[in-house]
Amino acid sequence: MSTTYGTIGLRQTFASRKFVALFERLWVALRERHERRRVRAALSELSDCELMDIGTTRGEIEYVASNRAKDPRGIWSVD
């Protein structure tokens, strides 16, 4: 009886870990989506002249918002 209980308990633990991992991936994806929308909105409010000052164009806003870790000019900042 304890073997059956242990096996069922193991399955529940494995299933709950998978659920937690799935939930974490979903949460990260939602946070990234929110951040992309925030960046896109902030960049869209800038004038063309201001966009040129930071080295991008209106047509690159979507790329910049989706690839925040990459610099479209190929320049990497050092932290």
N, C-alpha and C. Protein backbone atom coordinates (compact mmCIF):
# COMPACT_ATOMS: atom_id res chain seq x y z
N MET A 1 0.82 -1.19 0.00
CA MET A 1 0.00 0.00 0.00
C MET A 1 0.86 1.25 0.00
N SER A 2 1.94 1.24 0.73
CA SER A 2 2.81 2.42 0.75
C SER A 2 3.50 2.61 -0.60
N THR A 3 3.78 1.51 -1.32
CA THR A 3 4.40 1.61 -2.64
C THR A 3 3.45 2.31 -3.61
N THR A 4 2.19 1.94 -3.59
CA THR A 4 1.20 2.58 -4.45
C THR A 4 1.07 4.06 -4.10
N TYR A 5 1.02 4.34 -2.82
CA TYR A 5 0.92 5.73 -2.40
C TYR A 5 2.15 6.52 -2.83
N GLY A 6 3.31 5.91 -2.66
CA GLY A 6 4.55 6.59 -3.05
C GLY A 6 4.59 6.86 -4.53
N THR A 7 4.15 5.92 -5.34
CA THR A 7 4.14 6.11 -6.79
C THR A 7 3.17 7.20 -7.19
N ILE A 8 2.00 7.21 -6.61
CA ILE A 8 1.01 8.25 -6.92
C ILE A 8 1.54 9.61 -6.46
N GLY A 9 2.13 9.64 -5.29
CA GLY A 9 2.70 10.89 -4.78
C GLY A 9 3.80 11.40 -5.69
N LEU A 10 4.62 10.51 -6.24
CA LEU A 10 5.69 10.88 -7.15
C LEU A 10 5.11 11.48 -8.42
N ARG A 11 4.07 10.87 -8.97
CA ARG A 11 3.44 11.40 -10.17
C ARG A 11 2.86 12.78 -9.92
N GLN A 12 2.24 12.98 -8.79
CA GLN A 12 1.67 14.28 -8.47
C GLN A 12 2.78 15.32 -8.35
N THR A 13 3.88 14.96 -7.76
CA THR A 13 4.99 15.89 -7.61
C THR A 13 5.55 16.25 -8.98
N PHE A 14 5.75 15.25 -9.83
CA PHE A 14 6.27 15.49 -11.17
C PHE A 14 5.30 16.36 -11.96
N ALA A 15 4.01 16.06 -11.87
CA ALA A 15 2.99 16.84 -12.59
C ALA A 15 2.95 18.27 -12.06
N SER A 16 3.07 18.44 -10.75
CA SER A 16 3.03 19.79 -10.19
C SER A 16 4.27 20.57 -10.59
N ARG A 17 5.42 19.90 -10.69
CA ARG A 17 6.63 20.60 -11.14
C ARG A 17 6.49 21.04 -12.59
N LYS A 18 5.90 20.18 -13.42
CA LYS A 18 5.69 20.54 -14.82
C LYS A 18 4.73 21.72 -14.91
N PHE A 19 3.70 21.71 -14.07
CA PHE A 19 2.74 22.81 -14.06
C PHE A 19 3.43 24.11 -13.64
N VAL A 20 4.25 24.04 -12.61
CA VAL A 20 4.95 25.23 -12.14
C VAL A 20 5.90 25.75 -13.23
N ALA A 21 6.62 24.85 -13.90
CA ALA A 21 7.52 25.26 -14.98
C ALA A 21 6.73 25.89 -16.12
N LEU A 22 5.60 25.32 -16.46
CA LEU A 22 4.75 25.87 -17.51
C LEU A 22 4.24 27.26 -17.12
N PHE A 23 3.80 27.39 -15.88
CA PHE A 23 3.31 28.67 -15.39
C PHE A 23 4.42 29.72 -15.41
N GLU A 24 5.64 29.33 -15.01
CA GLU A 24 6.76 30.27 -15.02
C GLU A 24 7.08 30.73 -16.44
N ARG A 25 7.07 29.81 -17.41
CA ARG A 25 7.33 30.19 -18.80
C ARG A 25 6.25 31.12 -19.32
N LEU A 26 5.02 30.85 -18.96
CA LEU A 26 3.91 31.71 -19.36
C LEU A 26 4.07 33.10 -18.75
N TRP A 27 4.42 33.16 -17.47
CA TRP A 27 4.60 34.43 -16.78
C TRP A 27 5.72 35.25 -17.42
N VAL A 28 6.84 34.61 -17.74
CA VAL A 28 7.96 35.30 -18.39
C VAL A 28 7.53 35.81 -19.76
N ALA A 29 6.81 35.01 -20.52
CA ALA A 29 6.34 35.42 -21.84
C ALA A 29 5.40 36.63 -21.74
N LEU A 30 4.53 36.63 -20.76
CA LEU A 30 3.61 37.76 -20.58
C LEU A 30 4.37 39.02 -20.17
N ARG A 31 5.36 38.88 -19.31
CA ARG A 31 6.17 40.03 -18.90
C ARG A 31 6.96 40.58 -20.08
N GLU A 32 7.52 39.70 -20.91
CA GLU A 32 8.25 40.16 -22.09
C GLU A 32 7.32 40.87 -23.06
N ARG A 33 6.13 40.34 -23.25
CA ARG A 33 5.16 40.98 -24.14
C ARG A 33 4.80 42.37 -23.63
N HIS A 34 4.58 42.47 -22.32
CA HIS A 34 4.26 43.77 -21.72
C HIS A 34 5.41 44.75 -21.93
N GLU A 35 6.64 44.29 -21.74
CA GLU A 35 7.80 45.15 -21.91
C GLU A 35 7.95 45.60 -23.37
N ARG A 36 7.70 44.70 -24.33
CA ARG A 36 7.75 45.06 -25.75
C ARG A 36 6.72 46.14 -26.06
N ARG A 37 5.51 45.98 -25.53
CA ARG A 37 4.45 46.97 -25.78
C ARG A 37 4.82 48.31 -25.16
N ARG A 38 5.43 48.29 -23.98
CA ARG A 38 5.84 49.53 -23.31
C ARG A 38 6.92 50.25 -24.11
N VAL A 39 7.92 49.49 -24.57
CA VAL A 39 9.00 50.09 -25.36
C VAL A 39 8.46 50.62 -26.69
N ARG A 40 7.61 49.83 -27.34
CA ARG A 40 7.02 50.26 -28.61
C ARG A 40 6.23 51.56 -28.44
N ALA A 41 5.46 51.66 -27.37
CA ALA A 41 4.66 52.86 -27.13
C ALA A 41 5.56 54.06 -26.84
N ALA A 42 6.60 53.86 -26.05
CA ALA A 42 7.51 54.96 -25.73
C ALA A 42 8.24 55.46 -26.97
N LEU A 43 8.71 54.54 -27.81
CA LEU A 43 9.42 54.94 -29.02
C LEU A 43 8.47 55.59 -30.02
N SER A 44 7.25 55.13 -30.08
CA SER A 44 6.28 55.69 -31.02
C SER A 44 5.92 57.13 -30.68
N GLU A 45 6.06 57.52 -29.43
CA GLU A 45 5.76 58.89 -29.02
C GLU A 45 6.85 59.88 -29.41
N LEU A 46 8.05 59.37 -29.74
CA LEU A 46 9.16 60.26 -30.10
C LEU A 46 8.98 60.78 -31.52
N SER A 47 9.53 61.94 -31.75
CA SER A 47 9.50 62.51 -33.11
C SER A 47 10.57 61.82 -33.95
N ASP A 48 10.50 62.03 -35.27
CA ASP A 48 11.50 61.43 -36.15
C ASP A 48 12.89 61.95 -35.83
N CYS A 49 13.00 63.21 -35.47
CA CYS A 49 14.28 63.80 -35.12
C CYS A 49 14.85 63.15 -33.84
N GLU A 50 13.99 62.93 -32.86
CA GLU A 50 14.43 62.28 -31.61
C GLU A 50 14.85 60.84 -31.87
N LEU A 51 14.12 60.15 -32.74
CA LEU A 51 14.49 58.78 -33.09
C LEU A 51 15.86 58.76 -33.77
N MET A 52 16.11 59.72 -34.66
CA MET A 52 17.41 59.79 -35.32
C MET A 52 18.52 60.07 -34.31
N ASP A 53 18.23 60.85 -33.29
CA ASP A 53 19.22 61.13 -32.25
C ASP A 53 19.67 59.86 -31.52
N ILE A 54 18.75 58.92 -31.36
CA ILE A 54 19.13 57.68 -30.67
C ILE A 54 19.55 56.60 -31.67
N GLY A 55 19.61 56.96 -32.95
CA GLY A 55 20.15 56.06 -33.96
C GLY A 55 19.19 55.03 -34.51
N THR A 56 17.92 55.37 -34.56
CA THR A 56 16.94 54.44 -35.13
C THR A 56 15.93 55.22 -35.96
N THR A 57 15.10 54.51 -36.65
CA THR A 57 14.05 55.15 -37.46
C THR A 57 12.70 54.60 -37.02
N ARG A 58 11.66 55.23 -37.51
CA ARG A 58 10.31 54.79 -37.16
C ARG A 58 10.06 53.35 -37.64
N GLY A 59 10.64 52.99 -38.77
CA GLY A 59 10.48 51.64 -39.30
C GLY A 59 11.18 50.57 -38.49
N GLU A 60 12.11 50.96 -37.62
CA GLU A 60 12.84 50.00 -36.80
C GLU A 60 12.27 49.84 -35.40
N ILE A 61 11.21 50.55 -35.10
CA ILE A 61 10.64 50.50 -33.74
C ILE A 61 10.26 49.07 -33.35
N GLU A 62 9.59 48.37 -34.24
CA GLU A 62 9.16 47.01 -33.93
C GLU A 62 10.37 46.10 -33.67
N TYR A 63 11.41 46.24 -34.48
CA TYR A 63 12.61 45.43 -34.30
C TYR A 63 13.27 45.75 -32.96
N VAL A 64 13.40 47.04 -32.66
CA VAL A 64 14.05 47.45 -31.41
C VAL A 64 13.24 46.94 -30.21
N ALA A 65 11.93 47.03 -30.28
CA ALA A 65 11.08 46.57 -29.17
C ALA A 65 11.17 45.07 -28.99
N SER A 66 11.29 44.33 -30.09
CA SER A 66 11.34 42.86 -30.00
C SER A 66 12.73 42.33 -29.68
N ASN A 67 13.76 43.11 -29.94
CA ASN A 67 15.14 42.66 -29.73
C ASN A 67 15.89 43.66 -28.87
N ARG A 68 15.40 43.88 -27.67
CA ARG A 68 15.99 44.89 -26.79
C ARG A 68 17.42 44.57 -26.41
N ALA A 69 17.80 43.30 -26.39
CA ALA A 69 19.16 42.94 -25.99
C ALA A 69 20.16 43.19 -27.11
N LYS A 70 19.69 43.35 -28.34
CA LYS A 70 20.56 43.55 -29.49
C LYS A 70 20.51 45.01 -29.93
N ASP A 71 21.63 45.51 -30.37
CA ASP A 71 21.69 46.85 -30.93
C ASP A 71 21.60 46.73 -32.44
N PRO A 72 20.63 47.39 -33.10
CA PRO A 72 20.48 47.24 -34.55
C PRO A 72 21.71 47.71 -35.32
N ARG A 73 22.54 48.53 -34.70
CA ARG A 73 23.75 49.01 -35.36
C ARG A 73 24.92 48.06 -35.15
N GLY A 74 24.73 47.04 -34.32
CA GLY A 74 25.80 46.10 -34.04
C GLY A 74 26.74 46.56 -32.95
N ILE A 75 26.38 47.61 -32.24
CA ILE A 75 27.22 48.13 -31.16
C ILE A 75 26.70 47.57 -29.84
N TRP A 76 27.56 46.95 -29.08
CA TRP A 76 27.18 46.37 -27.80
C TRP A 76 27.68 47.26 -26.68
N SER A 77 26.81 47.57 -25.76
CA SER A 77 27.22 48.40 -24.62
C SER A 77 27.88 47.53 -23.57
N VAL A 78 28.81 48.12 -22.84
CA VAL A 78 29.52 47.41 -21.79
C VAL A 78 28.97 47.90 -20.46
N ASP A 79 28.47 46.98 -19.66
CA ASP A 79 27.89 47.37 -18.36
C ASP A 79 28.93 47.40 -17.29
